[in-house]
Structures are given as structure tokens and as C-alpha cells.
Amino acid sequence: MSQAPLTTNDFVTAVTAVSAAFGDPTRRDIFLFADEREGVTAGDTAKHFDLHANVARHHLDKLAAGGYLAVTVERGAGAGRPSKYYRPTGDAAFELPLRHDDILLALLGRALQELGTTRAEALAESVGADLGQRLSDSLGGDATHQSFGAALHTVAEALTAHGFAAHAEHDKGELRIVSDHCPFGPTPIEHPVICAVDRGFVTGMLKGLGSEASAELSESLPMGDAHCVTTVTE
């Protein structure tokens, strides 16, 4: 089957995508570094290029957003936390679609920013809470009879299904949900208010499961942390 001819708009879109991904010389070098290996982490990249881990992660996420790197969350040979691995996809530049979800996230972030921090966080948390409540309702009545710990694991599983690669853990007397991947990409780094959606999701879903627990974001990518951690208080 012959391929449809490349239109001017397709060409401009593809060139724009390539320029955004590889216009930065450091990012080009990072892509070649990832291409030479079976998988690289932000830590590997930061060490190799003498960069801050958040800067390395930003470049890797940009490449992943463009479709040039695929992201997986894997546990290494040791007993440490799972790490995000970035691997080349091998996709041709002109085959990559314009990431409309990135445009919508940028628009959402800007709109929330215009509202001011207090109102924007309240709105974002409310949206997350509504989503979490609806999701818990869809699980049926049996889900409300589980223990608080089991409910926390249910929330983590729901977050994972929505792209957060989350797990529940008990650390130093605190119950926490740790997210190893952010489906919003690098947008929350520029617009941290989006993180309030996650907090609302956790509290909304727990409420639907029969708990009035509160949740606070104690670690996040915008704060400079490697993971997003939501501390939950029963």
C-alpha cells in the first residue's frame, strides 16, 4: 500500500517536532547516549554529562514526549526503588503525530496559573477528587469494606492504571503513595498546581472507599525530588 503524500502541514509539524526534540545540543548528545545502551536512567545520564538529575530528566522526558524514547519503570538487581528507563523507539520523525495532549496540558497549566495559586489548587484538587470518587463508585459496594491499608493499595493500583506507576508503602510510621512516573510529562515542573489533581484523586477515592483520610504531597518533581510522594493520614 502506497503511503499518503506528505503535506506542507505534515512537513512543518514534523520539522517543528524534530527541532523541539533535538534543537538543544545537549539533548542530541543525550539521545545518542541512550541509543548506544539498552536503557538509561536520569541518574546515568546526569552522571555521564555532569548534569543535575532534574535537568537530565527534563531532557529525557522531552525526548520521550516526542516519541523518540520509550519509558518503562523497572526494578534493578538490588532492593532499591524502581527506576524509569528510557530506550530509543526507532520511530521515524515524519511518522510522529503532533502531541495534542501536550498542548492541552500546557493550556490547562497556563489557565490554572492565571487563576492564582489558591483558587487554581482548589479547582485542581476538586477535579481530582471528583474523578477519584467516580472511580471508587465504579468498584462496587464490596470495595468499601476493605481495611484502610487495602484501600490505599487500591488507590495506588488505580493511579498506576492512569499512568502514575504508583505503589503504597509504610515508611517511618507514615503511609505513603509513591508515584514513579508522571503521565503529565514535564508540564507540572512549569505549572506545579497540576499536582493538586493527584492529591484530590487520592482523597476522593479514599472517601469513596469509606475513609475520610487527608493527603498531602510531601515530595514531587517540581520540588526537585525524584518521585512524587503523597503522605496519607487516616
Protein backbone atom coordinates (compact mmCIF):
# COMPACT_ATOMS: atom_id res chain seq x y z
CA MET A 1 0.00 0.00 0.00
CA SER A 2 1.44 3.38 -1.00
CA GLN A 3 1.90 5.97 1.69
CA ALA A 4 -0.16 9.15 1.52
CA PRO A 5 1.83 12.12 0.21
CA LEU A 6 3.39 14.37 2.81
CA THR A 7 1.52 17.65 3.00
CA THR A 8 3.11 21.01 3.77
CA ASN A 9 1.40 20.98 7.17
CA ASP A 10 2.71 17.47 7.90
CA PHE A 11 6.20 18.55 6.94
CA VAL A 12 6.14 21.69 9.08
CA THR A 13 4.72 19.72 12.02
CA ALA A 14 7.42 17.06 11.70
CA VAL A 15 10.24 19.59 11.39
CA THR A 16 8.90 21.50 14.39
CA ALA A 17 8.81 18.27 16.40
CA VAL A 18 12.38 17.39 15.41
CA SER A 19 13.60 20.91 16.21
CA ALA A 20 11.91 20.84 19.62
CA ALA A 21 13.46 17.46 20.43
CA PHE A 22 16.95 17.91 19.01
CA GLY A 23 17.48 21.66 18.78
CA ASP A 24 19.41 21.57 22.06
CA PRO A 25 22.92 20.11 21.53
CA THR A 26 22.94 18.53 24.99
CA ARG A 27 19.66 16.81 24.21
CA ARG A 28 21.09 15.46 20.96
CA ASP A 29 24.06 14.03 22.86
CA ILE A 30 21.73 12.52 25.46
CA PHE A 31 19.70 10.82 22.73
CA LEU A 32 22.87 9.34 21.21
CA PHE A 33 23.94 8.23 24.70
CA ALA A 34 20.58 6.46 25.19
CA ASP A 35 20.78 4.98 21.70
CA GLU A 36 24.13 3.34 22.48
CA ARG A 37 22.75 1.50 25.51
CA GLU A 38 19.85 -0.85 26.16
CA GLY A 39 18.43 1.60 28.66
CA VAL A 40 19.45 4.71 30.57
CA THR A 41 18.08 6.38 33.69
CA ALA A 42 18.12 10.05 34.62
CA GLY A 43 20.84 9.19 37.15
CA ASP A 44 23.01 7.51 34.50
CA THR A 45 22.56 10.49 32.21
CA ALA A 46 23.22 13.09 34.90
CA LYS A 47 26.46 11.36 35.91
CA HIS A 48 27.67 10.91 32.33
CA PHE A 49 27.03 14.54 31.33
CA ASP A 50 27.70 16.13 34.75
CA LEU A 51 24.15 17.49 35.00
CA HIS A 52 21.67 17.90 37.83
CA ALA A 53 19.32 14.91 37.87
CA ASN A 54 16.27 17.11 37.23
CA VAL A 55 17.93 18.66 34.16
CA ALA A 56 18.80 15.22 32.79
CA ARG A 57 15.25 14.02 33.47
CA HIS A 58 13.83 17.09 31.72
CA HIS A 59 15.81 16.32 28.55
CA LEU A 60 14.86 12.64 28.65
CA ASP A 61 11.19 13.45 29.17
CA LYS A 62 11.30 15.89 26.24
CA LEU A 63 12.66 13.12 24.03
CA ALA A 64 10.03 10.72 25.37
CA ALA A 65 7.26 13.27 24.76
CA GLY A 66 8.38 13.49 21.15
CA GLY A 67 8.21 9.72 20.76
CA TYR A 68 11.96 9.22 20.39
CA LEU A 69 12.36 7.40 23.71
CA ALA A 70 10.05 4.89 25.35
CA VAL A 71 9.71 4.94 29.14
CA THR A 72 9.43 1.88 31.36
CA VAL A 73 9.57 1.54 35.14
CA GLU A 74 11.79 -1.33 36.23
CA ARG A 75 13.31 -2.63 39.43
CA GLY A 76 17.06 -3.17 39.35
CA ALA A 77 19.02 -6.09 40.75
CA GLY A 78 19.18 -4.52 44.23
CA ALA A 79 16.42 -3.86 46.73
CA GLY A 80 16.02 -0.19 45.85
CA ARG A 81 13.03 1.59 44.36
CA PRO A 82 12.07 1.01 40.71
CA SER A 83 13.70 3.37 38.21
CA LYS A 84 12.49 4.91 34.97
CA TYR A 85 14.40 3.60 31.96
CA TYR A 86 14.47 5.46 28.65
CA ARG A 87 15.01 3.47 25.45
CA PRO A 88 15.03 4.56 21.78
CA THR A 89 11.83 3.70 19.92
CA GLY A 90 13.32 3.82 16.43
CA ASP A 91 10.34 5.80 15.10
CA ALA A 92 10.90 7.93 12.03
CA ALA A 93 10.48 11.65 12.56
CA PHE A 94 7.80 12.11 9.90
CA GLU A 95 5.67 9.33 11.37
CA LEU A 96 5.28 11.10 14.70
CA PRO A 97 1.89 12.73 15.35
CA LEU A 98 1.57 16.12 16.95
CA ARG A 99 1.10 15.56 20.68
CA HIS A 100 -2.24 17.30 21.17
CA ASP A 101 -2.32 16.11 24.80
CA ASP A 102 0.83 18.15 25.47
CA ILE A 103 -0.86 21.23 24.01
CA LEU A 104 -3.92 20.72 26.21
CA LEU A 105 -1.76 20.22 29.31
CA ALA A 106 0.16 23.41 28.57
CA LEU A 107 -3.12 25.27 28.07
CA LEU A 108 -4.53 23.85 31.31
CA GLY A 109 -1.40 24.79 33.21
CA ARG A 110 -1.49 28.34 31.90
CA ALA A 111 -5.20 28.71 32.66
CA LEU A 112 -4.69 27.49 36.23
CA GLN A 113 -1.77 29.86 36.62
CA GLU A 114 -3.98 32.80 35.60
CA LEU A 115 -6.44 31.92 38.39
CA GLY A 116 -3.83 32.41 41.08
CA THR A 117 -2.30 29.71 43.26
CA THR A 118 -5.06 29.39 45.89
CA ARG A 119 -8.02 29.20 43.50
CA ALA A 120 -6.13 27.08 41.00
CA GLU A 121 -5.11 24.49 43.60
CA ALA A 122 -8.66 24.31 44.95
CA LEU A 123 -10.03 23.79 41.44
CA ALA A 124 -7.40 21.19 40.51
CA GLU A 125 -7.94 19.29 43.76
CA SER A 126 -11.71 19.34 43.26
CA VAL A 127 -11.37 17.91 39.75
CA GLY A 128 -9.12 15.14 41.08
CA ALA A 129 -11.49 14.41 43.97
CA ASP A 130 -14.47 14.08 41.63
CA LEU A 131 -12.53 11.68 39.41
CA GLY A 132 -11.40 9.60 42.39
CA GLN A 133 -14.92 9.47 43.81
CA ARG A 134 -16.40 8.31 40.49
CA LEU A 135 -13.70 5.68 40.12
CA SER A 136 -14.28 4.29 43.62
CA ASP A 137 -18.03 4.20 42.96
CA SER A 138 -17.39 2.08 39.87
CA LEU A 139 -15.67 -0.58 42.02
CA GLY A 140 -18.93 -1.56 43.71
CA GLY A 141 -20.03 -1.81 47.34
CA ASP A 142 -17.60 -4.57 48.34
CA ALA A 143 -14.66 -2.20 47.94
CA THR A 144 -15.87 -0.02 50.81
CA HIS A 145 -15.50 -2.86 53.34
CA GLN A 146 -11.76 -3.29 52.95
CA SER A 147 -9.18 -2.14 55.51
CA PHE A 148 -7.52 1.25 55.24
CA GLY A 149 -4.26 -0.36 54.13
CA ALA A 150 -6.04 -2.35 51.43
CA ALA A 151 -7.86 0.79 50.30
CA LEU A 152 -4.52 2.57 49.96
CA HIS A 153 -3.26 -0.22 47.71
CA THR A 154 -6.46 0.04 45.66
CA VAL A 155 -5.80 3.75 45.16
CA ALA A 156 -2.20 3.05 44.12
CA GLU A 157 -3.42 0.48 41.60
CA ALA A 158 -5.91 2.99 40.19
CA LEU A 159 -3.15 5.61 39.87
CA THR A 160 -0.97 3.07 38.10
CA ALA A 161 -3.79 2.35 35.65
CA HIS A 162 -3.83 6.09 34.91
CA GLY A 163 -0.10 6.15 34.14
CA PHE A 164 1.46 7.03 37.51
CA ALA A 165 3.29 3.72 38.17
CA ALA A 166 2.33 4.06 41.84
CA HIS A 167 2.68 1.84 44.88
CA ALA A 168 1.68 2.14 48.53
CA GLU A 169 4.23 1.84 51.30
CA HIS A 170 4.70 2.26 55.05
CA ASP A 171 7.78 4.36 55.77
CA LYS A 172 8.92 5.68 59.16
CA GLY A 173 5.44 5.46 60.61
CA GLU A 174 3.82 7.17 57.61
CA LEU A 175 1.53 5.71 54.97
CA ARG A 176 2.54 6.95 51.55
CA ILE A 177 1.71 6.54 47.90
CA VAL A 178 4.81 6.81 45.73
CA SER A 179 4.44 7.59 42.03
CA ASP A 180 7.45 6.73 39.89
CA HIS A 181 6.08 8.20 36.68
CA CYS A 182 4.05 11.31 35.87
CA PRO A 183 1.65 10.96 32.92
CA PHE A 184 1.57 14.75 32.61
CA GLY A 185 5.18 14.76 31.42
CA PRO A 186 7.26 17.87 32.24
CA THR A 187 4.20 20.17 32.43
CA PRO A 188 3.92 20.11 36.28
CA ILE A 189 7.51 21.37 36.57
CA GLU A 190 6.38 24.58 34.91
CA HIS A 191 2.89 24.51 36.45
CA PRO A 192 3.14 22.71 39.86
CA VAL A 193 -0.53 23.43 40.60
CA ILE A 194 -1.40 20.42 38.40
CA CYS A 195 -0.05 18.21 41.21
CA ALA A 196 -3.13 19.16 43.24
CA VAL A 197 -5.14 16.92 40.91
CA ASP A 198 -3.22 13.91 42.26
CA ARG A 199 -3.86 14.92 45.87
CA GLY A 200 -7.57 15.33 45.16
CA PHE A 201 -7.68 11.99 43.38
CA VAL A 202 -6.26 10.21 46.43
CA THR A 203 -8.61 11.86 48.94
CA GLY A 204 -11.64 11.49 46.63
CA MET A 205 -11.05 7.83 46.01
CA LEU A 206 -10.35 7.06 49.66
CA LYS A 207 -13.57 8.88 50.59
CA GLY A 208 -15.45 6.71 48.11
CA LEU A 209 -13.88 3.67 49.75
CA GLY A 210 -15.15 4.74 53.17
CA SER A 211 -12.22 6.72 54.59
CA GLU A 212 -12.03 10.41 55.48
CA ALA A 213 -8.23 10.38 55.26
CA SER A 214 -6.32 13.51 54.27
CA ALA A 215 -3.47 13.59 51.78
CA GLU A 216 -0.52 15.93 51.38
CA LEU A 217 2.13 15.99 48.68
CA SER A 218 5.44 15.66 50.52
CA GLU A 219 7.71 15.09 47.53
CA SER A 220 7.29 15.95 43.85
CA LEU A 221 9.17 16.52 40.61
CA PRO A 222 8.52 20.31 40.77
CA MET A 223 10.10 20.30 44.27
CA GLY A 224 13.20 18.74 42.77
CA ASP A 225 12.53 15.20 44.02
CA ALA A 226 12.97 12.01 42.01
CA HIS A 227 9.46 10.76 42.82
CA CYS A 228 6.05 12.14 43.71
CA VAL A 229 5.07 11.08 47.23
CA THR A 230 1.64 11.61 48.77
CA THR A 231 1.55 11.18 52.54
CA VAL A 232 -1.83 9.93 53.76
CA THR A 233 -3.17 10.48 57.29
CA GLU A 234 -6.10 8.38 58.46
